[in-house]
């Protein structure tokens, strides 16, 4: 794939790459700009003003003081579900998202996102960072309402220094630390669209692992007594804080402070249970309070009172209708929303605010099982982690130390029944695999990654991913049986000829392996004649990672096939092995050539 060097093209790229086709209506300057910032795996307690004396976050602290601060704001326990709900105003299980990898994170394309709603109202829309709701057009950011996208679509990225990113479907090489690059790009987009209105979605990917951070931040927190992991985490958080300072300074310099709504939140609890988190139970991945309660700060000078503390419970599903309301733009035709506008609370009008029950669910492939799950009211948290319902009085026991389900059985039964009805409702459309589209004019080349493959007969039976579950950036490996094979569901949206290319590695002893790619009744045969078994790329990790490392992959172009429109599977079958195993498969590229 042809690559560009982002640093070489600066300042040209950063001033010009953010001009694209947009707008159904001409821009109207009476609509406020919106900057929506979300960090990845930063917990509620990873902010100084939340009672963490060993962490410095002066910009986040000032943002909380300058705007409204929600005391009890909730998201989902992990990344992709939170993002789907945030962008659509709907519980993530309604959107098709039901996991974080293997394409389970993909939102259905018919979902209407906040970006699409604002774009229809004349906003320029840009996303800079982690998407994690579908890697392939029209499920990627450009297909879901963003004029500009610089970042990545997977659940995590492998390297944070001098890495490659995706800009509107094309790979670009960058120089520097990833948060600095993303902030630079967001500021360039704001410069380009300073006459507004603009919507900037800035979902940073730290402090998610791998734990890579510049020396100045890491050394500071090592000196404060933290181990390598938490020194990395806190260093990444302070780097985020510095970048937010740069971003807000740019808004001020352009005279946009009072014309811009700024929101800050995080996507789940902390990625580790050994950090300060306000004595809450649970961390990332948990349906207890500590896994889903996060900060939410909203600043709009002259419109929202500084220092207001909002105590009623609220959730990520509420931000879509809230921002449409604050922006003063028409609510588009959407699928039924679950969220409500929080504007009355932001304006200090809590009188008559209704009692609500908020729900959350999570498990690996959450859409196929109802537990773990939880229901939250202003007083109660009912939790079922698979061993029956527990009940906690969050007003009198915010740390969830005492299960009172036996003391209040009627409350427990009521919330358990409400959760069961909710779960049945949000999962009623099912979770059939969402096929990868091939042949869109906007994406003439599509890469089917190994971690999105379905393995047959099952992972571990003559074939596997590198990791147990096929995490983002994994590949197909340990292919030791000619009866095993990977396959990808695809949807050919345009009839034509498609060139197929395999990305592989292969040890010298295994060269000579023969295979066949089958798709749409057509097939191409190939043979691995060249060994390619390079070492991993250097990665400046502070802590041994759980994710895979990067390595260079060798392309093997097999030829072209003519495909008709419709859904089918792309399958790689082993014909024969020359050694103990087949090649490792990183991806298959399908490029429409006519």
Protein backbone atom coordinates (compact mmCIF):
# COMPACT_ATOMS: atom_id res chain seq x y z
CA UNK A 1 0.00 0.00 0.00
CA UNK A 2 1.37 3.40 -0.94
CA UNK A 3 2.17 5.53 2.10
CA UNK A 4 2.64 9.23 2.70
CA UNK A 5 4.81 10.85 5.35
CA UNK A 6 2.73 13.17 7.46
CA UNK A 7 5.69 15.00 8.94
CA UNK A 8 7.15 15.74 5.52
CA UNK A 9 3.87 17.18 4.32
CA UNK A 10 3.51 19.50 7.30
CA UNK A 11 2.49 22.30 7.22
CA UNK A 12 0.78 21.68 3.89
CA UNK A 13 -1.11 18.59 4.99
CA UNK A 14 -2.29 19.93 8.30
CA UNK A 15 -3.71 23.03 6.64
CA UNK A 16 -5.16 21.41 3.56
CA UNK A 17 -6.00 17.78 4.31
CA UNK A 18 -9.01 18.91 6.31
CA UNK A 19 -11.06 20.18 3.40
CA UNK A 20 -13.68 17.78 2.16
CA UNK A 21 -17.16 17.51 0.76
CA UNK A 22 -19.67 18.32 3.47
CA UNK A 23 -22.73 20.37 4.35
CA UNK A 24 -26.29 19.93 3.33
CA UNK A 25 -27.01 23.41 4.68
CA UNK A 26 -24.55 26.33 4.49
CA UNK A 27 -22.71 26.91 7.77
CA UNK A 28 -24.52 29.07 10.29
CA UNK A 29 -22.41 30.94 12.81
CA UNK A 30 -25.22 31.10 15.36
CA UNK A 31 -24.60 27.41 16.15
CA UNK A 32 -21.86 26.72 18.72
CA UNK A 33 -18.80 24.72 17.83
CA UNK A 34 -18.46 21.40 19.68
CA UNK A 35 -15.27 19.71 20.88
CA UNK A 36 -15.93 16.27 22.37
CA UNK A 37 -12.89 14.76 24.10
CA UNK A 38 -12.76 11.19 25.37
CA UNK A 39 -9.74 9.37 26.75
CA UNK A 40 -9.17 5.62 26.75
CA UNK A 41 -8.97 3.64 30.02
CA UNK A 42 -8.62 6.73 32.23
CA UNK A 43 -10.64 6.10 35.36
CA UNK A 44 -12.68 8.51 37.46
CA UNK A 45 -9.83 8.66 39.95
CA UNK A 46 -7.19 9.52 37.36
CA UNK A 47 -7.78 13.25 37.85
CA UNK A 48 -6.15 15.36 40.56
CA UNK A 49 -9.32 17.23 41.55
CA UNK A 50 -11.12 13.92 42.18
CA UNK A 51 -8.90 13.37 45.19
CA UNK A 52 -5.73 11.99 43.62
CA UNK A 53 -2.89 14.04 45.14
CA UNK A 54 -0.07 12.27 43.29
CA UNK A 55 -1.30 13.07 39.79
CA UNK A 56 -1.05 16.48 38.12
CA UNK A 57 -3.95 17.40 35.80
CA UNK A 58 -4.30 21.20 36.06
CA UNK A 59 -6.12 21.59 32.73
CA UNK A 60 -8.70 18.91 33.48
CA UNK A 61 -9.16 20.40 36.96
CA UNK A 62 -9.72 23.87 35.53
CA UNK A 63 -12.16 22.50 32.97
CA UNK A 64 -14.22 20.99 35.80
CA UNK A 65 -14.26 24.36 37.56
CA UNK A 66 -15.09 26.40 34.45
CA UNK A 67 -18.15 24.38 33.47
CA UNK A 68 -20.69 21.88 34.71
CA UNK A 69 -19.52 18.68 36.41
CA UNK A 70 -21.62 15.53 36.61
CA UNK A 71 -21.31 13.62 39.88
CA UNK A 72 -22.80 10.33 38.70
CA UNK A 73 -22.17 9.86 34.99
CA UNK A 74 -21.99 6.35 33.59
CA UNK A 75 -20.68 4.64 30.47
CA UNK A 76 -20.18 1.00 29.45
CA UNK A 77 -17.49 -1.22 31.01
CA UNK A 78 -15.30 -1.27 27.87
CA UNK A 79 -14.32 0.75 24.81
CA UNK A 80 -16.45 -0.01 21.75
CA UNK A 81 -19.79 -0.25 23.57
CA UNK A 82 -19.28 3.18 25.13
CA UNK A 83 -18.41 4.71 21.76
CA UNK A 84 -21.44 3.23 20.02
CA UNK A 85 -23.80 4.56 22.69
CA UNK A 86 -22.10 7.96 22.83
CA UNK A 87 -22.38 8.48 19.09
CA UNK A 88 -25.94 7.21 18.60
CA UNK A 89 -27.82 7.96 21.83
CA UNK A 90 -28.79 4.28 21.92
CA UNK A 91 -27.76 1.35 24.05
CA UNK A 92 -24.86 -0.31 22.25
CA UNK A 93 -26.57 -3.69 21.95
CA UNK A 94 -29.18 -2.10 19.68
CA UNK A 95 -26.50 -0.92 17.26
CA UNK A 96 -24.98 -4.32 16.43
CA UNK A 97 -21.93 -3.65 18.60
CA UNK A 98 -21.47 -6.54 21.03
CA UNK A 99 -17.74 -6.89 21.55
CA UNK A 100 -14.38 -5.19 21.17
CA UNK A 101 -12.65 -7.29 18.48
CA UNK A 102 -13.26 -9.84 15.70
CA UNK A 103 -15.55 -7.17 14.08
CA UNK A 104 -18.00 -7.56 16.97
CA UNK A 105 -17.36 -3.87 17.63
CA UNK A 106 -18.90 -2.82 14.30
CA UNK A 107 -21.99 -0.60 14.33
CA UNK A 108 -24.61 -1.18 11.68
CA UNK A 109 -24.37 1.45 8.97
CA UNK A 110 -28.02 2.46 9.35
CA UNK A 111 -27.28 3.90 12.78
CA UNK A 112 -27.41 7.71 12.72
CA UNK A 113 -24.41 9.19 14.50
CA UNK A 114 -23.93 12.55 16.15
CA UNK A 115 -21.53 13.42 13.33
CA UNK A 116 -24.17 12.69 10.70
CA UNK A 117 -26.73 14.78 12.57
CA UNK A 118 -24.41 17.77 12.89
CA UNK A 119 -23.13 17.43 9.33
CA UNK A 120 -26.71 17.67 8.05
CA UNK A 121 -26.99 20.93 9.97
CA UNK A 122 -23.94 22.44 8.27
CA UNK A 123 -21.14 21.45 10.64
CA UNK A 124 -17.67 20.47 9.48
CA UNK A 125 -16.95 17.18 11.22
CA UNK A 126 -13.58 15.75 12.16
CA UNK A 127 -12.42 12.75 14.19
CA UNK A 128 -8.86 12.48 15.45
CA UNK A 129 -8.01 9.33 17.37
CA UNK A 130 -9.56 5.95 18.09
CA UNK A 131 -12.83 5.01 16.36
CA UNK A 132 -13.41 1.35 17.33
CA UNK A 133 -16.88 0.98 15.80
CA UNK A 134 -16.04 -0.63 12.46
CA UNK A 135 -12.93 -0.74 10.31
CA UNK A 136 -14.47 -0.88 6.85
CA UNK A 137 -16.44 1.67 4.83
CA UNK A 138 -19.33 2.51 5.32
CA UNK A 139 -18.87 1.47 8.95
CA UNK A 140 -15.71 3.55 9.35
CA UNK A 141 -15.68 7.23 10.42
CA UNK A 142 -15.96 8.61 6.88
CA UNK A 143 -18.97 6.42 6.26
CA UNK A 144 -20.58 7.47 9.54
CA UNK A 145 -20.56 11.23 9.12
CA UNK A 146 -17.00 12.46 9.57
CA UNK A 147 -15.56 14.61 6.81
CA UNK A 148 -12.07 14.06 8.15
CA UNK A 149 -10.56 11.14 10.00
CA UNK A 150 -7.00 10.75 11.23
CA UNK A 151 -6.45 7.86 13.59
CA UNK A 152 -7.23 4.16 13.71
CA UNK A 153 -10.31 1.95 13.88
CA UNK A 154 -9.07 -0.95 16.02
CA UNK A 155 -9.44 -1.41 19.75
CA UNK A 156 -5.82 -0.50 20.40
CA UNK A 157 -2.75 0.61 18.49
CA UNK A 158 0.63 -1.07 18.60
CA UNK A 159 3.02 1.88 18.80
CA UNK A 160 2.69 5.45 20.01
CA UNK A 161 5.93 6.91 18.68
CA UNK A 162 6.57 7.60 14.97
CA UNK A 163 3.67 5.39 13.99
CA UNK A 164 1.44 5.12 10.96
CA UNK A 165 -2.21 6.20 11.09
CA UNK A 166 -5.13 6.20 8.69
CA UNK A 167 -6.23 9.43 7.06
CA UNK A 168 -9.53 9.06 5.18
CA UNK A 169 -8.77 5.49 4.19
CA UNK A 170 -5.10 6.00 3.32
CA UNK A 171 -2.10 5.13 5.43
CA UNK A 172 0.14 8.02 6.52
CA UNK A 173 3.38 7.92 8.48
CA UNK A 174 3.70 10.26 11.45
CA UNK A 175 6.55 11.55 13.60
CA UNK A 176 6.36 12.16 17.30
CA UNK A 177 4.13 10.98 20.11
CA UNK A 178 0.65 9.98 18.99
CA UNK A 179 -1.28 12.32 21.31
CA UNK A 180 0.77 15.27 20.10
CA UNK A 181 0.10 14.31 16.47
CA UNK A 182 -3.65 13.96 17.03
CA UNK A 183 -3.83 17.28 18.87
CA UNK A 184 -1.91 19.01 16.07
CA UNK A 185 -4.36 17.60 13.54
CA UNK A 186 -7.39 18.68 15.59
CA UNK A 187 -6.00 22.20 15.90
CA UNK A 188 -5.33 22.35 12.16
CA UNK A 189 -8.92 21.32 11.50
CA UNK A 190 -10.14 24.05 13.85
CA UNK A 191 -7.92 26.58 12.07
CA UNK A 192 -9.40 25.50 8.75
CA UNK A 193 -12.99 25.81 9.99
CA UNK A 194 -12.67 28.59 12.55
CA UNK A 195 -15.59 30.47 10.99
CA UNK A 196 -17.66 27.45 12.06
CA UNK A 197 -19.58 25.66 13.00
CA UNK A 198 -17.36 22.63 13.52
CA UNK A 199 -17.59 19.37 15.46
CA UNK A 200 -14.30 17.89 16.65
CA UNK A 201 -14.41 14.40 18.16
CA UNK A 202 -11.08 13.74 19.86
CA UNK A 203 -11.04 10.20 21.27
CA UNK A 204 -7.44 9.85 22.46
CA UNK A 205 -6.13 6.29 22.81
CA UNK A 206 -4.19 6.66 26.06
CA UNK A 207 -3.69 5.59 28.81
CA UNK A 208 -4.67 2.32 27.10
CA UNK A 209 -1.79 -0.13 26.73
CA UNK A 210 0.82 -0.59 25.36
CA UNK A 211 2.46 1.51 28.04
CA UNK A 212 4.57 3.92 26.02
CA UNK A 213 5.14 7.49 27.17
CA UNK A 214 7.85 10.15 26.74
CA UNK A 215 10.68 10.06 29.28
CA UNK A 216 9.82 13.36 30.97
CA UNK A 217 6.42 12.05 32.08
CA UNK A 218 7.54 8.53 32.96
CA UNK A 219 10.49 9.68 35.02
CA UNK A 220 8.37 12.15 36.97
CA UNK A 221 6.00 9.46 38.22
CA UNK A 222 8.72 6.91 38.85
CA UNK A 223 10.26 9.50 41.15
CA UNK A 224 6.91 9.73 42.94
CA UNK A 225 7.16 6.05 43.79
CA UNK A 226 4.94 4.40 41.19
CA UNK A 227 5.81 1.12 39.49
CA UNK A 228 6.55 1.07 35.76
CA UNK A 229 2.94 0.46 34.76
CA UNK A 230 1.33 3.17 36.84
CA UNK A 231 4.14 5.61 36.16
CA UNK A 232 3.35 5.05 32.49
CA UNK A 233 -0.39 5.48 33.03
CA UNK A 234 -0.06 8.67 35.05
CA UNK A 235 2.55 9.97 32.64
CA UNK A 236 0.19 9.37 29.73
CA UNK A 237 -2.61 11.15 31.61
CA UNK A 238 -0.43 14.19 32.24
CA UNK A 239 0.59 14.21 28.59
CA UNK A 240 -3.13 14.25 27.74
CA UNK A 241 -3.57 17.16 30.12
CA UNK A 242 -0.78 19.10 28.42
CA UNK A 243 -2.31 18.46 25.01
CA UNK A 244 -5.71 19.65 26.21
CA UNK A 245 -3.97 22.81 27.37
CA UNK A 246 -2.55 23.33 23.89
CA UNK A 247 -5.96 22.73 22.32
CA UNK A 248 -7.76 25.15 24.64
CA UNK A 249 -5.07 27.79 24.11
CA UNK A 250 -5.70 27.53 20.38
CA UNK A 251 -9.44 28.04 20.87
CA UNK A 252 -8.67 31.09 23.00
CA UNK A 253 -6.21 32.49 20.46
CA UNK A 254 -8.84 32.21 17.74
CA UNK A 255 -11.42 33.93 19.92
CA UNK A 256 -13.59 30.79 19.99
CA UNK A 257 -13.73 30.09 23.72
CA UNK A 258 -17.24 31.46 24.23
CA UNK A 259 -18.49 29.99 20.95
CA UNK A 260 -17.40 26.42 21.69
CA UNK A 261 -18.95 23.70 23.82
CA UNK A 262 -16.17 21.54 25.26
CA UNK A 263 -16.95 18.14 26.75
CA UNK A 264 -14.53 15.80 28.50
CA UNK A 265 -15.19 12.22 29.58
CA UNK A 266 -13.51 8.82 29.62
CA UNK A 267 -14.71 5.55 28.11
CA UNK A 268 -14.68 3.18 31.13
CA UNK A 269 -13.06 2.58 34.48
CA UNK A 270 -9.28 2.39 34.97
CA UNK A 271 -7.28 -0.31 33.19
CA UNK A 272 -6.08 -1.75 36.47
CA UNK A 273 -7.52 -2.24 39.93
CA UNK A 274 -4.50 -0.96 41.85
CA UNK A 275 -5.02 2.76 41.14
CA UNK A 276 -6.93 5.31 43.16
CA UNK A 277 -10.57 5.29 42.05
CA UNK A 278 -12.52 6.96 44.83
CA UNK A 279 -13.04 3.78 46.88
CA UNK A 280 -15.35 2.45 44.18
CA UNK A 281 -15.65 -1.25 43.53
CA UNK A 282 -14.53 -2.48 40.13
CA UNK A 283 -12.35 -1.31 37.25
CA UNK A 284 -12.43 -1.60 33.47
CA UNK A 285 -14.58 -4.51 32.34
CA UNK A 286 -16.68 -4.52 35.52
CA UNK A 287 -20.38 -3.65 35.77
CA UNK A 288 -19.81 -2.43 39.32
CA UNK A 289 -19.63 1.32 39.96
CA UNK A 290 -15.88 1.62 39.47
CA UNK A 291 -16.04 0.07 36.02
CA UNK A 292 -18.60 2.47 34.59
CA UNK A 293 -18.59 5.75 36.54
CA UNK A 294 -16.47 8.35 34.77
CA UNK A 295 -15.94 12.12 34.78
CA UNK A 296 -18.04 14.36 32.58
CA UNK A 297 -17.17 18.06 32.35
CA UNK A 298 -19.05 20.41 30.01
CA UNK A 299 -17.87 24.01 29.46
CA UNK A 300 -19.67 26.69 27.48
CA UNK A 301 -18.79 30.14 28.83
CA UNK A 302 -21.67 32.56 29.00
CA UNK A 303 -24.22 29.77 28.59
CA UNK A 304 -23.48 27.20 31.31
CA UNK A 305 -22.77 28.28 34.87
CA UNK A 306 -19.21 27.65 35.97
CA UNK A 307 -18.82 25.32 38.92
CA UNK A 308 -22.26 23.76 38.70
CA UNK A 309 -22.35 20.23 40.13
CA UNK A 310 -25.07 17.99 38.67
CA UNK A 311 -26.10 15.14 40.95
CA UNK A 312 -28.88 13.21 39.12
CA UNK A 313 -27.60 10.09 37.36
CA UNK A 314 -26.91 10.31 33.61
CA UNK A 315 -25.33 8.11 30.97
CA UNK A 316 -23.48 8.16 27.65
CA UNK A 317 -26.76 7.65 25.76
CA UNK A 318 -27.78 11.16 26.85
CA UNK A 319 -25.04 13.10 25.07
CA UNK A 320 -26.47 12.76 21.54
CA UNK A 321 -29.81 14.42 22.36
CA UNK A 322 -28.11 16.89 24.72
CA UNK A 323 -25.71 18.18 22.08
CA UNK A 324 -28.39 18.39 19.42
CA UNK A 325 -30.39 20.44 21.92
CA UNK A 326 -27.50 22.72 22.91
CA UNK A 327 -26.44 23.21 19.30
CA UNK A 328 -29.92 24.35 18.34
CA UNK A 329 -30.04 22.14 15.26
CA UNK A 330 -32.92 19.94 14.09
CA UNK A 331 -33.09 16.44 15.49
CA UNK A 332 -32.64 14.21 12.45
CA UNK A 333 -34.72 11.16 11.75
CA UNK A 334 -33.03 8.44 13.78
CA UNK A 335 -33.74 5.01 15.11
CA UNK A 336 -35.48 5.29 18.51
CA UNK A 337 -33.22 6.96 21.07
CA UNK A 338 -32.68 5.70 24.61
CA UNK A 339 -31.07 8.88 25.91
CA UNK A 340 -32.67 12.15 27.02
CA UNK A 341 -31.44 15.71 26.80
CA UNK A 342 -29.64 16.85 29.92
CA UNK A 343 -30.16 20.52 29.07
CA UNK A 344 -32.55 21.17 32.00
CA UNK A 345 -29.92 19.89 34.43
CA UNK A 346 -27.21 21.96 32.75
CA UNK A 347 -29.44 25.03 33.13
CA UNK A 348 -30.01 24.35 36.83
CA UNK A 349 -33.58 23.16 36.46
CA UNK A 350 -33.65 19.81 38.27
CA UNK A 351 -37.18 20.30 39.58
CA UNK A 352 -39.40 17.53 38.30
CA UNK A 353 -36.47 15.58 36.85
CA UNK A 354 -37.76 11.99 36.64
CA UNK A 355 -36.35 9.01 38.46
CA UNK A 356 -34.46 6.85 35.96
CA UNK A 357 -33.12 3.33 35.76
CA UNK A 358 -29.93 3.02 33.71
CA UNK A 359 -28.67 -0.31 32.43
CA UNK A 360 -25.36 -1.75 31.46
CA UNK A 361 -24.21 -5.13 30.21
CA UNK A 362 -20.90 -6.70 29.44
CA UNK A 363 -19.31 -10.02 28.76
CA UNK A 364 -17.18 -11.34 25.94
CA UNK A 365 -19.74 -11.28 23.13
CA UNK A 366 -22.16 -9.50 25.45
CA UNK A 367 -25.04 -9.70 23.02
CA UNK A 368 -25.31 -13.44 23.47
CA UNK A 369 -25.56 -13.59 27.26
CA UNK A 370 -27.34 -11.37 29.78
CA UNK A 371 -24.63 -11.39 32.43
CA UNK A 372 -22.62 -9.62 33.68
CA UNK A 373 -25.22 -6.86 33.88
CA UNK A 374 -26.43 -4.10 36.17
CA UNK A 375 -29.30 -1.69 36.78
CA UNK A 376 -28.65 1.67 38.44
CA UNK A 377 -31.11 4.13 40.00
CA UNK A 378 -30.33 7.23 42.03
CA UNK A 379 -30.10 5.03 45.13
CA UNK A 380 -29.59 1.42 44.10
CA UNK A 381 -27.14 -0.61 42.05
CA UNK A 382 -28.30 -4.15 41.27
CA UNK A 383 -25.53 -6.34 39.83
CA UNK A 384 -25.47 -9.86 38.42
CA UNK A 385 -22.06 -11.19 37.46
CA UNK A 386 -23.45 -14.64 36.70
CA UNK A 387 -23.99 -15.86 40.25
CA UNK A 388 -27.28 -14.19 41.07
CA UNK A 389 -28.41 -10.67 41.82
CA UNK A 390 -26.70 -8.50 44.40
CA UNK A 391 -28.05 -5.15 45.60
CA UNK A 392 -26.14 -2.14 46.93
CA UNK A 393 -27.37 1.05 48.56
CA UNK A 394 -25.20 3.60 46.76
CA UNK A 395 -26.25 6.51 48.97
CA UNK A 396 -25.23 4.86 52.22
CA UNK A 397 -22.63 2.40 50.87
CA UNK A 398 -20.96 3.96 47.81
CA UNK A 399 -18.05 1.50 48.03
CA UNK A 400 -20.45 -1.48 47.68
CA UNK A 401 -19.25 -3.24 50.81
CA UNK A 402 -22.59 -4.77 51.87
CA UNK A 403 -24.96 -6.76 49.65
CA UNK A 404 -28.49 -5.91 50.85
CA UNK A 405 -30.44 -8.06 48.38
CA UNK A 406 -31.88 -10.16 51.23
CA UNK A 407 -32.89 -7.05 53.16
CA UNK A 408 -34.69 -5.44 50.21
CA UNK A 409 -35.94 -8.40 48.16
CA UNK A 410 -38.70 -6.41 46.49
CA UNK A 411 -36.18 -3.86 45.17
CA UNK A 412 -33.89 -6.63 43.96
CA UNK A 413 -36.73 -8.44 42.20
CA UNK A 414 -37.99 -5.22 40.60
CA UNK A 415 -34.58 -4.26 39.20
CA UNK A 416 -33.82 -7.82 38.08
CA UNK A 417 -37.12 -7.93 36.18
CA UNK A 418 -36.49 -4.50 34.67
CA UNK A 419 -33.05 -5.61 33.53
CA UNK A 420 -34.40 -8.82 31.95
CA UNK A 421 -37.03 -6.86 30.01
CA UNK A 422 -34.42 -4.32 28.91
CA UNK A 423 -31.95 -6.97 27.77
CA UNK A 424 -34.60 -8.80 25.74
CA UNK A 425 -35.55 -5.50 24.09
CA UNK A 426 -32.05 -4.28 23.15
CA UNK A 427 -30.97 -7.67 21.78
CA UNK A 428 -34.09 -8.48 19.77
CA UNK A 429 -32.44 -7.72 16.40
CA UNK A 430 -29.76 -10.32 17.07
CA UNK A 431 -26.09 -10.20 16.16
CA UNK A 432 -25.62 -11.79 12.78
CA UNK A 433 -22.10 -11.16 11.44
CA UNK A 434 -21.80 -7.83 9.62
CA UNK A 435 -20.00 -8.66 6.36
CA UNK A 436 -17.12 -6.53 5.11
CA UNK A 437 -18.21 -4.57 2.01
CA UNK A 438 -16.05 -4.94 -1.10
CA UNK A 439 -16.15 -2.61 -4.09
CA UNK A 440 -17.29 0.75 -2.73
CA UNK A 441 -15.97 3.57 -4.91
CA UNK A 442 -14.77 5.25 -1.70
CA UNK A 443 -12.65 2.23 -0.80
CA UNK A 444 -11.37 0.46 -3.91
CA UNK A 445 -9.00 -1.59 -1.74
CA UNK A 446 -10.16 -3.39 1.39
CA UNK A 447 -7.98 -5.27 3.85
CA UNK A 448 -9.54 -8.25 5.64
CA UNK A 449 -7.46 -8.55 8.83
CA UNK A 450 -6.60 -11.88 10.39
CA UNK A 451 -8.23 -11.08 13.72
CA UNK A 452 -11.60 -10.65 11.95
CA UNK A 453 -11.42 -14.12 10.41
CA UNK A 454 -13.66 -16.93 11.60
CA UNK A 455 -11.53 -20.00 12.30
CA UNK A 456 -12.76 -23.47 11.42
CA UNK A 457 -13.39 -25.91 12.96
CA UNK A 458 -12.57 -23.70 15.98
CA UNK A 459 -9.62 -21.72 17.37
CA UNK A 460 -7.03 -24.11 18.74
CA UNK A 461 -8.07 -27.00 16.52
CA UNK A 462 -5.32 -26.89 13.93
CA UNK A 463 -5.44 -23.10 13.64
CA UNK A 464 -5.55 -20.12 16.01
CA UNK A 465 -5.05 -16.42 16.52
CA UNK A 466 -1.89 -15.19 18.22
CA UNK A 467 -3.92 -14.34 21.31
CA UNK A 468 -6.70 -16.36 22.84
CA UNK A 469 -9.54 -14.21 21.54
CA UNK A 470 -8.17 -12.68 18.37
CA UNK A 471 -7.51 -9.20 19.71
CA UNK A 472 -7.05 -6.25 17.37
CA UNK A 473 -3.88 -6.47 15.25
CA UNK A 474 -3.59 -10.27 15.78
CA UNK A 475 -3.09 -12.64 12.89
CA UNK A 476 -3.82 -16.26 11.96
CA UNK A 477 -1.11 -18.63 13.16
CA UNK A 478 -0.44 -22.20 14.35
CA UNK A 479 -2.07 -23.48 11.15
CA UNK A 480 -1.05 -27.11 11.44
CA UNK A 481 -3.97 -28.96 9.84
CA UNK A 482 -5.05 -28.98 6.19
CA UNK A 483 -8.60 -29.46 7.44
CA UNK A 484 -8.56 -26.10 9.25
CA UNK A 485 -9.13 -22.76 7.52
CA UNK A 486 -9.98 -19.07 8.08
CA UNK A 487 -12.92 -17.31 6.44
CA UNK A 488 -14.32 -13.79 6.28
CA UNK A 489 -17.95 -12.85 5.51
CA UNK A 490 -18.01 -10.23 2.74
CA UNK A 491 -20.59 -8.31 0.75
CA UNK A 492 -19.66 -7.53 -2.86
CA UNK A 493 -21.41 -4.21 -3.50
CA UNK A 494 -20.09 -3.72 -7.04
CA UNK A 495 -19.66 -6.39 -9.70
CA UNK A 496 -16.19 -6.46 -11.18
CA UNK A 497 -12.68 -7.84 -11.18
CA UNK A 498 -10.90 -7.99 -7.85
CA UNK A 499 -7.20 -8.51 -7.30
CA UNK A 500 -6.40 -10.64 -4.23
CA UNK A 501 -3.18 -10.29 -2.24
CA UNK A 502 -2.08 -12.28 0.79
CA UNK A 503 0.02 -10.69 3.57
CA UNK A 504 2.08 -13.43 5.20
CA UNK A 505 5.14 -14.55 7.10
CA UNK A 506 6.66 -18.01 6.71
CA UNK A 507 9.68 -19.78 8.16
CA UNK A 508 12.19 -21.30 5.77
CA UNK A 509 11.22 -24.82 6.83
CA UNK A 510 7.59 -24.22 5.85
CA UNK A 511 8.09 -22.70 2.40
CA UNK A 512 6.38 -24.58 -0.38
CA UNK A 513 2.97 -24.57 1.32
CA UNK A 514 0.16 -24.54 -1.23
CA UNK A 515 -3.23 -22.93 -0.65
CA UNK A 516 -6.39 -21.78 -2.41
CA UNK A 517 -8.47 -18.63 -1.88
CA UNK A 518 -12.16 -19.19 -2.59
CA UNK A 519 -14.73 -16.43 -2.97
CA UNK A 520 -18.07 -16.14 -4.78
CA UNK A 521 -17.68 -19.42 -6.62
CA UNK A 522 -14.21 -18.37 -7.89
CA UNK A 523 -10.80 -19.43 -6.65
CA UNK A 524 -7.11 -18.67 -6.98
CA UNK A 525 -4.29 -21.01 -6.01
CA UNK A 526 -0.98 -19.92 -4.57
CA UNK A 527 2.28 -21.29 -3.26
CA UNK A 528 4.61 -19.73 -0.73
CA UNK A 529 8.00 -19.85 -2.43
CA UNK A 530 9.84 -17.19 -0.41
CA UNK A 531 10.55 -17.42 3.29
CA UNK A 532 9.75 -14.27 5.23
CA UNK A 533 10.25 -14.48 8.97
CA UNK A 534 11.39 -11.05 10.19
CA UNK A 535 11.83 -10.01 13.83
CA UNK A 536 9.29 -7.79 15.53
CA UNK A 537 9.58 -4.05 15.12
CA UNK A 538 11.15 -2.19 18.00
CA UNK A 539 8.53 -0.96 20.48
CA UNK A 540 9.54 1.28 23.41
CA UNK A 541 7.29 -0.39 25.98
CA UNK A 542 7.77 0.41 29.67
CA UNK A 543 5.93 -2.80 30.66
CA UNK A 544 5.70 -6.14 28.86
CA UNK A 545 2.56 -5.90 26.74
CA UNK A 546 -0.28 -8.35 26.44
CA UNK A 547 -0.97 -7.37 22.84
CA UNK A 548 0.96 -8.48 19.77
CA UNK A 549 3.97 -6.59 18.46
CA UNK A 550 4.27 -5.26 14.93
CA UNK A 551 6.30 -6.91 12.20
CA UNK A 552 6.68 -6.32 8.46
CA UNK A 553 4.49 -8.58 6.30
CA UNK A 554 5.20 -9.81 2.81
CA UNK A 555 2.58 -9.35 0.08
CA UNK A 556 1.84 -12.21 -2.32
CA UNK A 557 -0.47 -11.17 -5.17
CA UNK A 558 -2.37 -14.16 -6.57
CA UNK A 559 -4.30 -12.67 -9.49
CA UNK A 560 -7.87 -11.50 -10.12
CA UNK A 561 -11.34 -12.97 -9.87
CA UNK A 562 -14.63 -11.68 -11.27
CA UNK A 563 -17.24 -11.32 -8.55
CA UNK A 564 -20.97 -10.79 -8.75
CA UNK A 565 -22.84 -8.62 -6.29
CA UNK A 566 -24.04 -10.22 -3.08
CA UNK A 567 -22.95 -11.76 0.17
CA UNK A 568 -20.42 -14.56 0.23
CA UNK A 569 -17.38 -15.76 2.16
CA UNK A 570 -13.70 -15.38 1.37
CA UNK A 571 -11.94 -18.54 2.52
CA UNK A 572 -8.30 -19.68 2.49
CA UNK A 573 -7.99 -23.46 2.20
CA UNK A 574 -4.78 -25.39 2.73
CA UNK A 575 -3.89 -27.71 -0.16
CA UNK A 576 -0.62 -29.06 1.24
CA UNK A 577 2.07 -28.26 3.78
CA UNK A 578 5.78 -28.49 3.05
CA UNK A 579 6.76 -28.37 6.71
CA UNK A 580 4.95 -28.53 10.02
CA UNK A 581 2.53 -25.70 9.31
CA UNK A 582 1.08 -23.26 6.82
CA UNK A 583 2.15 -19.63 6.61
CA UNK A 584 0.93 -17.05 9.14
CA UNK A 585 -1.72 -14.77 7.64
CA UNK A 586 -1.96 -11.13 8.62
CA UNK A 587 -4.62 -10.14 6.09
CA UNK A 588 -6.08 -10.56 2.62
CA UNK A 589 -6.38 -7.48 0.40
CA UNK A 590 -9.14 -7.27 -2.17
CA UNK A 591 -8.74 -4.44 -4.69
CA UNK A 592 -11.33 -3.64 -7.34
CA UNK A 593 -9.42 -3.11 -10.56
CA UNK A 594 -12.17 -1.89 -12.84
